[in-house]
Amino acid sequence: DGFTAAATIRQIEAQRGGPPVPIIALTA
């Protein structure tokens, strides 16, 4: 799901360093 994917992306960013990419959550 998008919540888990977003958390995983934040973990990747933490490992890489640098500013986080904005994540906009959407739902129908």
PDB file of all heavy atoms in Angstrom:
ATOM      1  N   ASP A   1       0.828  -1.209   0.000  1.00  0.00           N
ATOM      2  CA  ASP A   1       0.000   0.000   0.000  1.00  0.00           C
ATOM      3  C   ASP A   1       0.864   1.262   0.000  1.00  0.00           C
ATOM      4  O   ASP A   1       2.073   1.215   0.218  1.00  0.00           O
ATOM      5  CB  ASP A   1      -0.996   0.003   1.154  1.00  0.00           C
ATOM      6  CG  ASP A   1      -0.364   0.135   2.531  1.00  0.00           C
ATOM      7  OD1 ASP A   1       0.666   0.811   2.674  1.00  0.00           O
ATOM      8  OD2 ASP A   1      -0.923  -0.427   3.484  1.00  0.00           O
ATOM      9  N   GLY A   2       0.230   2.378  -0.290  1.00  0.00           N
ATOM     10  CA  GLY A   2       0.948   3.644  -0.397  1.00  0.00           C
ATOM     11  C   GLY A   2       1.599   4.103   0.892  1.00  0.00           C
ATOM     12  O   GLY A   2       2.640   4.751   0.868  1.00  0.00           O
ATOM     13  N   PHE A   3       1.004   3.760   2.026  1.00  0.00           N
ATOM     14  CA  PHE A   3       1.598   4.145   3.314  1.00  0.00           C
ATOM     15  C   PHE A   3       2.936   3.431   3.527  1.00  0.00           C
ATOM     16  O   PHE A   3       3.930   4.032   3.929  1.00  0.00           O
ATOM     17  CB  PHE A   3       0.640   3.826   4.463  1.00  0.00           C
ATOM     18  CG  PHE A   3      -0.667   4.563   4.374  1.00  0.00           C
ATOM     19  CD1 PHE A   3      -1.813   3.896   3.992  1.00  0.00           C
ATOM     20  CD2 PHE A   3      -0.742   5.911   4.668  1.00  0.00           C
ATOM     21  CE1 PHE A   3      -3.026   4.564   3.909  1.00  0.00           C
ATOM     22  CE2 PHE A   3      -1.952   6.598   4.591  1.00  0.00           C
ATOM     23  CZ  PHE A   3      -3.091   5.914   4.205  1.00  0.00           C
ATOM     24  N   THR A   4       2.955   2.136   3.229  1.00  0.00           N
ATOM     25  CA  THR A   4       4.183   1.355   3.373  1.00  0.00           C
ATOM     26  C   THR A   4       5.212   1.784   2.342  1.00  0.00           C
ATOM     27  O   THR A   4       6.404   1.913   2.656  1.00  0.00           O
ATOM     28  CB  THR A   4       3.876  -0.152   3.243  1.00  0.00           C
ATOM     29  OG1 THR A   4       2.875  -0.496   4.203  1.00  0.00           O
ATOM     30  CG2 THR A   4       5.114  -0.991   3.457  1.00  0.00           C
ATOM     31  N   ALA A   5       4.764   2.034   1.111  1.00  0.00           N
ATOM     32  CA  ALA A   5       5.682   2.482   0.060  1.00  0.00           C
ATOM     33  C   ALA A   5       6.307   3.830   0.431  1.00  0.00           C
ATOM     34  O   ALA A   5       7.515   4.027   0.268  1.00  0.00           O
ATOM     35  CB  ALA A   5       4.957   2.572  -1.275  1.00  0.00           C
ATOM     36  N   ALA A   6       5.500   4.748   0.964  1.00  0.00           N
ATOM     37  CA  ALA A   6       6.029   6.059   1.365  1.00  0.00           C
ATOM     38  C   ALA A   6       7.046   5.921   2.492  1.00  0.00           C
ATOM     39  O   ALA A   6       8.097   6.572   2.486  1.00  0.00           O
ATOM     40  CB  ALA A   6       4.887   6.978   1.784  1.00  0.00           C
ATOM     41  N   ALA A   7       6.757   5.062   3.456  1.00  0.00           N
ATOM     42  CA  ALA A   7       7.707   4.833   4.555  1.00  0.00           C
ATOM     43  C   ALA A   7       9.005   4.229   4.032  1.00  0.00           C
ATOM     44  O   ALA A   7      10.096   4.601   4.479  1.00  0.00           O
ATOM     45  CB  ALA A   7       7.079   3.920   5.606  1.00  0.00           C
ATOM     46  N   THR A   8       8.898   3.331   3.068  1.00  0.00           N
ATOM     47  CA  THR A   8      10.087   2.719   2.476  1.00  0.00           C
ATOM     48  C   THR A   8      10.903   3.760   1.713  1.00  0.00           C
ATOM     49  O   THR A   8      12.132   3.780   1.795  1.00  0.00           O
ATOM     50  CB  THR A   8       9.692   1.550   1.558  1.00  0.00           C
ATOM     51  OG1 THR A   8       8.912   0.610   2.317  1.00  0.00           O
ATOM     52  CG2 THR A   8      10.904   0.856   0.976  1.00  0.00           C
ATOM     53  N   ILE A   9      10.215   4.635   0.991  1.00  0.00           N
ATOM     54  CA  ILE A   9      10.909   5.715   0.278  1.00  0.00           C
ATOM     55  C   ILE A   9      11.637   6.612   1.274  1.00  0.00           C
ATOM     56  O   ILE A   9      12.781   7.011   1.041  1.00  0.00           O
ATOM     57  CB  ILE A   9       9.910   6.516  -0.584  1.00  0.00           C
ATOM     58  CG1 ILE A   9       9.513   5.682  -1.807  1.00  0.00           C
ATOM     59  CG2 ILE A   9      10.473   7.874  -0.988  1.00  0.00           C
ATOM     60  CD1 ILE A   9       8.377   6.258  -2.636  1.00  0.00           C
ATOM     61  N   ARG A  10      11.029   6.910   2.404  1.00  0.00           N
ATOM     62  CA  ARG A  10      11.694   7.739   3.414  1.00  0.00           C
ATOM     63  C   ARG A  10      12.939   7.035   3.979  1.00  0.00           C
ATOM     64  O   ARG A  10      13.948   7.693   4.252  1.00  0.00           O
ATOM     65  CB  ARG A  10      10.723   8.096   4.546  1.00  0.00           C
ATOM     66  CG  ARG A  10       9.625   9.047   4.126  1.00  0.00           C
ATOM     67  CD  ARG A  10      10.212  10.410   3.766  1.00  0.00           C
ATOM     68  NE  ARG A  10       9.141  11.357   3.454  1.00  0.00           N
ATOM     69  CZ  ARG A  10       9.056  12.030   2.325  1.00  0.00           C
ATOM     70  NH1 ARG A  10       9.981  11.887   1.395  1.00  0.00           N
ATOM     71  NH2 ARG A  10       8.068  12.875   2.113  1.00  0.00           N
ATOM     72  N   GLN A  11      12.887   5.720   4.122  1.00  0.00           N
ATOM     73  CA  GLN A  11      14.069   4.973   4.574  1.00  0.00           C
ATOM     74  C   GLN A  11      15.188   5.052   3.538  1.00  0.00           C
ATOM     75  O   GLN A  11      16.360   5.227   3.893  1.00  0.00           O
ATOM     76  CB  GLN A  11      13.708   3.521   4.842  1.00  0.00           C
ATOM     77  CG  GLN A  11      12.823   3.322   6.052  1.00  0.00           C
ATOM     78  CD  GLN A  11      12.333   1.887   6.189  1.00  0.00           C
ATOM     79  OE1 GLN A  11      12.468   1.073   5.287  1.00  0.00           O
ATOM     80  NE2 GLN A  11      11.735   1.578   7.335  1.00  0.00           N
ATOM     81  N   ILE A  12      14.833   4.934   2.279  1.00  0.00           N
ATOM     82  CA  ILE A  12      15.828   5.047   1.202  1.00  0.00           C
ATOM     83  C   ILE A  12      16.470   6.425   1.222  1.00  0.00           C
ATOM     84  O   ILE A  12      17.693   6.568   1.118  1.00  0.00           O
ATOM     85  CB  ILE A  12      15.171   4.763  -0.165  1.00  0.00           C
ATOM     86  CG1 ILE A  12      14.726   3.306  -0.256  1.00  0.00           C
ATOM     87  CG2 ILE A  12      16.118   5.128  -1.314  1.00  0.00           C
ATOM     88  CD1 ILE A  12      13.769   3.010  -1.399  1.00  0.00           C
ATOM     89  N   GLU A  13      15.636   7.458   1.372  1.00  0.00           N
ATOM     90  CA  GLU A  13      16.163   8.823   1.425  1.00  0.00           C
ATOM     91  C   GLU A  13      17.091   9.027   2.614  1.00  0.00           C
ATOM     92  O   GLU A  13      18.124   9.695   2.488  1.00  0.00           O
ATOM     93  CB  GLU A  13      15.009   9.825   1.505  1.00  0.00           C
ATOM     94  CG  GLU A  13      14.206   9.926   0.248  1.00  0.00           C
ATOM     95  CD  GLU A  13      13.001  10.824   0.392  1.00  0.00           C
ATOM     96  OE1 GLU A  13      12.397  10.863   1.492  1.00  0.00           O
ATOM     97  OE2 GLU A  13      12.662  11.478  -0.595  1.00  0.00           O
ATOM     98  N   ALA A  14      16.757   8.451   3.745  1.00  0.00           N
ATOM     99  CA  ALA A  14      17.597   8.589   4.940  1.00  0.00           C
ATOM    100  C   ALA A  14      18.969   7.970   4.702  1.00  0.00           C
ATOM    101  O   ALA A  14      19.983   8.509   5.153  1.00  0.00           O
ATOM    102  CB  ALA A  14      16.911   7.944   6.141  1.00  0.00           C
ATOM    103  N   GLN A  15      19.002   6.862   3.981  1.00  0.00           N
ATOM    104  CA  GLN A  15      20.276   6.212   3.669  1.00  0.00           C
ATOM    105  C   GLN A  15      21.088   7.031   2.678  1.00  0.00           C
ATOM    106  O   GLN A  15      22.313   7.094   2.775  1.00  0.00           O
ATOM    107  CB  GLN A  15      20.032   4.812   3.108  1.00  0.00           C
ATOM    108  CG  GLN A  15      19.463   3.841   4.113  1.00  0.00           C
ATOM    109  CD  GLN A  15      19.026   2.531   3.473  1.00  0.00           C
ATOM    110  OE1 GLN A  15      19.041   2.367   2.258  1.00  0.00           O
ATOM    111  NE2 GLN A  15      18.626   1.583   4.303  1.00  0.00           N
ATOM    112  N   ARG A  16      20.417   7.652   1.734  1.00  0.00           N
ATOM    113  CA  ARG A  16      21.096   8.451   0.704  1.00  0.00           C
ATOM    114  C   ARG A  16      21.542   9.805   1.229  1.00  0.00           C
ATOM    115  O   ARG A  16      22.499  10.380   0.725  1.00  0.00           O
ATOM    116  CB  ARG A  16      20.162   8.693  -0.476  1.00  0.00           C
ATOM    117  CG  ARG A  16      19.874   7.495  -1.318  1.00  0.00           C
ATOM    118  CD  ARG A  16      18.978   7.904  -2.461  1.00  0.00           C
ATOM    119  NE  ARG A  16      18.623   6.778  -3.301  1.00  0.00           N
ATOM    120  CZ  ARG A  16      17.683   6.812  -4.227  1.00  0.00           C
ATOM    121  NH1 ARG A  16      17.013   7.916  -4.444  1.00  0.00           N
ATOM    122  NH2 ARG A  16      17.432   5.746  -4.947  1.00  0.00           N
ATOM    123  N   GLY A  17      20.782  10.347   2.176  1.00  0.00           N
ATOM    124  CA  GLY A  17      21.025  11.715   2.620  1.00  0.00           C
ATOM    125  C   GLY A  17      20.369  12.681   1.646  1.00  0.00           C
ATOM    126  O   GLY A  17      19.825  12.290   0.618  1.00  0.00           O
ATOM    127  N   GLY A  18      20.408  13.944   1.952  1.00  0.00           N
ATOM    128  CA  GLY A  18      19.786  14.944   1.088  1.00  0.00           C
ATOM    129  C   GLY A  18      18.351  15.225   1.499  1.00  0.00           C
ATOM    130  O   GLY A  18      17.796  14.563   2.374  1.00  0.00           O
ATOM    131  N   PRO A  19      17.752  16.199   0.848  1.00  0.00           N
ATOM    132  CA  PRO A  19      16.389  16.589   1.223  1.00  0.00           C
ATOM    133  C   PRO A  19      15.359  15.554   0.776  1.00  0.00           C
ATOM    134  O   PRO A  19      15.545  14.888  -0.247  1.00  0.00           O
ATOM    135  CB  PRO A  19      16.188  17.909   0.483  1.00  0.00           C
ATOM    136  CG  PRO A  19      17.100  17.819  -0.698  1.00  0.00           C
ATOM    137  CD  PRO A  19      18.287  17.013  -0.236  1.00  0.00           C
ATOM    138  N   PRO A  20      14.270  15.417   1.527  1.00  0.00           N
ATOM    139  CA  PRO A  20      13.229  14.475   1.130  1.00  0.00           C
ATOM    140  C   PRO A  20      12.414  15.000  -0.052  1.00  0.00           C
ATOM    141  O   PRO A  20      12.211  16.201  -0.192  1.00  0.00           O
ATOM    142  CB  PRO A  20      12.356  14.352   2.378  1.00  0.00           C
ATOM    143  CG  PRO A  20      12.566  15.633   3.098  1.00  0.00           C
ATOM    144  CD  PRO A  20      13.987  16.052   2.803  1.00  0.00           C
ATOM    145  N   VAL A  21      11.963  14.091  -0.882  1.00  0.00           N
ATOM    146  CA  VAL A  21      11.081  14.424  -2.001  1.00  0.00           C
ATOM    147  C   VAL A  21       9.662  14.540  -1.447  1.00  0.00           C
ATOM    148  O   VAL A  21       9.239  13.693  -0.653  1.00  0.00           O
ATOM    149  CB  VAL A  21      11.158  13.308  -3.077  1.00  0.00           C
ATOM    150  CG1 VAL A  21      10.122  13.513  -4.163  1.00  0.00           C
ATOM    151  CG2 VAL A  21      12.552  13.232  -3.663  1.00  0.00           C
ATOM    152  N   PRO A  22       8.914  15.580  -1.831  1.00  0.00           N
ATOM    153  CA  PRO A  22       7.521  15.666  -1.364  1.00  0.00           C
ATOM    154  C   PRO A  22       6.710  14.455  -1.837  1.00  0.00           C
ATOM    155  O   PRO A  22       6.804  14.051  -2.998  1.00  0.00           O
ATOM    156  CB  PRO A  22       6.996  16.949  -2.015  1.00  0.00           C
ATOM    157  CG  PRO A  22       8.211  17.734  -2.377  1.00  0.00           C
ATOM    158  CD  PRO A  22       9.289  16.726  -2.654  1.00  0.00           C
ATOM    159  N   ILE A  23       5.946  13.876  -0.916  1.00  0.00           N
ATOM    160  CA  ILE A  23       5.038  12.779  -1.246  1.00  0.00           C
ATOM    161  C   ILE A  23       3.631  13.262  -0.941  1.00  0.00           C
ATOM    162  O   ILE A  23       3.323  13.622   0.195  1.00  0.00           O
ATOM    163  CB  ILE A  23       5.344  11.510  -0.439  1.00  0.00           C
ATOM    164  CG1 ILE A  23       6.757  11.002  -0.737  1.00  0.00           C
ATOM    165  CG2 ILE A  23       4.316  10.421  -0.755  1.00  0.00           C
ATOM    166  CD1 ILE A  23       7.185   9.817   0.111  1.00  0.00           C
ATOM    167  N   ILE A  24       2.768  13.274  -1.956  1.00  0.00           N
ATOM    168  CA  ILE A  24       1.379  13.677  -1.793  1.00  0.00           C
ATOM    169  C   ILE A  24       0.531  12.413  -1.818  1.00  0.00           C
ATOM    170  O   ILE A  24       0.527  11.682  -2.803  1.00  0.00           O
ATOM    171  CB  ILE A  24       0.950  14.649  -2.899  1.00  0.00           C
ATOM    172  CG1 ILE A  24       1.805  15.919  -2.825  1.00  0.00           C
ATOM    173  CG2 ILE A  24      -0.541  14.971  -2.787  1.00  0.00           C
ATOM    174  CD1 ILE A  24       1.566  16.898  -3.935  1.00  0.00           C
ATOM    175  N   ALA A  25      -0.144  12.150  -0.724  1.00  0.00           N
ATOM    176  CA  ALA A  25      -0.976  10.952  -0.603  1.00  0.00           C
ATOM    177  C   ALA A  25      -2.349  11.215  -1.212  1.00  0.00           C
ATOM    178  O   ALA A  25      -2.952  12.259  -0.983  1.00  0.00           O
ATOM    179  CB  ALA A  25      -1.127  10.556   0.860  1.00  0.00           C
ATOM    180  N   LEU A  26      -2.812  10.262  -2.007  1.00  0.00           N
ATOM    181  CA  LEU A  26      -4.105  10.365  -2.681  1.00  0.00           C
ATOM    182  C   LEU A  26      -4.937   9.132  -2.375  1.00  0.00           C
ATOM    183  O   LEU A  26      -4.400   8.054  -2.149  1.00  0.00           O
ATOM    184  CB  LEU A  26      -3.905  10.446  -4.201  1.00  0.00           C
ATOM    185  CG  LEU A  26      -2.995  11.549  -4.722  1.00  0.00           C
ATOM    186  CD1 LEU A  26      -2.699  11.325  -6.190  1.00  0.00           C
ATOM    187  CD2 LEU A  26      -3.650  12.891  -4.522  1.00  0.00           C
ATOM    188  N   THR A  27      -6.246   9.308  -2.405  1.00  0.00           N
ATOM    189  CA  THR A  27      -7.144   8.166  -2.282  1.00  0.00           C
ATOM    190  C   THR A  27      -8.445   8.500  -3.008  1.00  0.00           C
ATOM    191  O   THR A  27      -8.822   9.664  -3.111  1.00  0.00           O
ATOM    192  CB  THR A  27      -7.431   7.799  -0.814  1.00  0.00           C
ATOM    193  OG1 THR A  27      -8.310   6.674  -0.793  1.00  0.00           O
ATOM    194  CG2 THR A  27      -8.053   8.936  -0.053  1.00  0.00           C
ATOM    195  N   ALA A  28      -9.111   7.471  -3.484  1.00  0.00           N
ATOM    196  CA  ALA A  28     -10.409   7.657  -4.136  1.00  0.00           C
ATOM    197  C   ALA A  28     -11.515   7.806  -3.106  1.00  0.00           C
ATOM    198  O   ALA A  28     -12.659   8.057  -3.457  1.00  0.00           O
ATOM    199  CB  ALA A  28     -10.701   6.478  -5.059  1.00  0.00           C
TER     200      ALA A  28
END
